């Protein structure tokens, strides 16, 4: 699995996961519990993970959907 997106914004995370789901890409959120442990203050980013084989398509989709959240290529 690879992280396709890292963010502290739960709205962006949910939106990105839905974009991928609509295209048939399964995504899993990592670090949710670590974020809760910091008091949900938003210090620790959560990671949106996809299978290695889905990463190229997921990356393209999210660069179009949430370009401001994606790292430079």
Protein backbone atom coordinates (compact mmCIF):
# COMPACT_ATOMS: atom_id res chain seq x y z
CA UNK A 1 0.00 0.00 0.00
CA UNK A 2 1.08 3.56 -0.66
CA UNK A 3 -0.04 6.91 0.69
CA UNK A 4 -1.68 8.88 -2.08
CA UNK A 5 -2.63 11.81 0.17
CA UNK A 6 -1.61 13.15 3.58
CA UNK A 7 -3.73 15.82 5.22
CA UNK A 8 -4.94 17.16 8.53
CA UNK A 9 -8.23 18.27 6.94
CA UNK A 10 -10.95 15.64 7.51
CA UNK A 11 -13.21 17.20 4.88
CA UNK A 12 -10.55 16.89 2.18
CA UNK A 13 -9.76 13.37 3.32
CA UNK A 14 -13.41 12.30 3.07
CA UNK A 15 -13.84 14.01 -0.31
CA UNK A 16 -10.69 12.37 -1.69
CA UNK A 17 -11.78 8.94 -0.47
CA UNK A 18 -15.16 9.43 -2.17
CA UNK A 19 -13.52 10.51 -5.44
CA UNK A 20 -11.49 7.31 -5.43
CA UNK A 21 -14.46 5.16 -4.44
CA UNK A 22 -16.49 6.53 -7.37
CA UNK A 23 -13.73 5.28 -9.68
CA UNK A 24 -13.62 1.84 -8.08
CA UNK A 25 -10.42 2.40 -6.11
CA UNK A 26 -10.49 1.15 -2.53
CA UNK A 27 -8.83 3.55 -0.11
CA UNK A 28 -8.11 3.16 3.59
CA UNK A 29 -7.42 5.96 6.07
CA UNK A 30 -4.37 5.38 8.26
CA UNK A 31 -3.38 7.24 11.42
CA UNK A 32 -6.92 8.04 12.55
CA UNK A 33 -6.21 6.77 16.05
CA UNK A 34 -2.91 8.62 16.27
CA UNK A 35 -4.76 11.82 15.40
CA UNK A 36 -7.30 11.14 18.14
CA UNK A 37 -4.46 10.57 20.60
CA UNK A 38 -3.18 14.10 19.98
CA UNK A 39 -6.58 15.37 21.11
CA UNK A 40 -7.87 15.73 17.53
CA UNK A 41 -6.02 19.02 17.37
CA UNK A 42 -4.94 18.32 13.80
CA UNK A 43 -1.21 18.08 14.46
CA UNK A 44 -0.80 14.65 12.92
CA UNK A 45 -1.81 14.17 9.29
CA UNK A 46 -3.89 11.21 8.28
CA UNK A 47 -2.86 9.17 5.27
CA UNK A 48 -5.13 7.95 2.50
CA UNK A 49 -3.70 4.63 1.37
CA UNK A 50 -4.31 2.73 -1.86
CA UNK A 51 -2.95 -0.48 -3.31
CA UNK A 52 0.34 -0.10 -5.18
CA UNK A 53 -1.30 -1.00 -8.49
CA UNK A 54 -4.01 1.65 -7.98
CA UNK A 55 -1.57 4.42 -7.05
CA UNK A 56 -0.96 5.93 -10.53
CA UNK A 57 -4.69 6.28 -11.28
CA UNK A 58 -5.48 7.49 -7.74
CA UNK A 59 -2.71 10.09 -7.95
CA UNK A 60 -4.04 11.41 -11.28
CA UNK A 61 -7.60 11.58 -9.96
CA UNK A 62 -6.65 13.44 -6.79
CA UNK A 63 -4.35 15.85 -8.63
CA UNK A 64 -7.43 16.86 -10.63
CA UNK A 65 -9.86 16.84 -7.68
CA UNK A 66 -7.75 18.42 -4.90
CA UNK A 67 -4.62 19.85 -6.56
CA UNK A 68 -3.82 22.18 -3.67
CA UNK A 69 -3.50 19.18 -1.32
CA UNK A 70 -1.13 17.15 -3.50
CA UNK A 71 2.67 17.32 -3.24
CA UNK A 72 4.59 18.56 -6.24
CA UNK A 73 5.43 15.79 -8.69
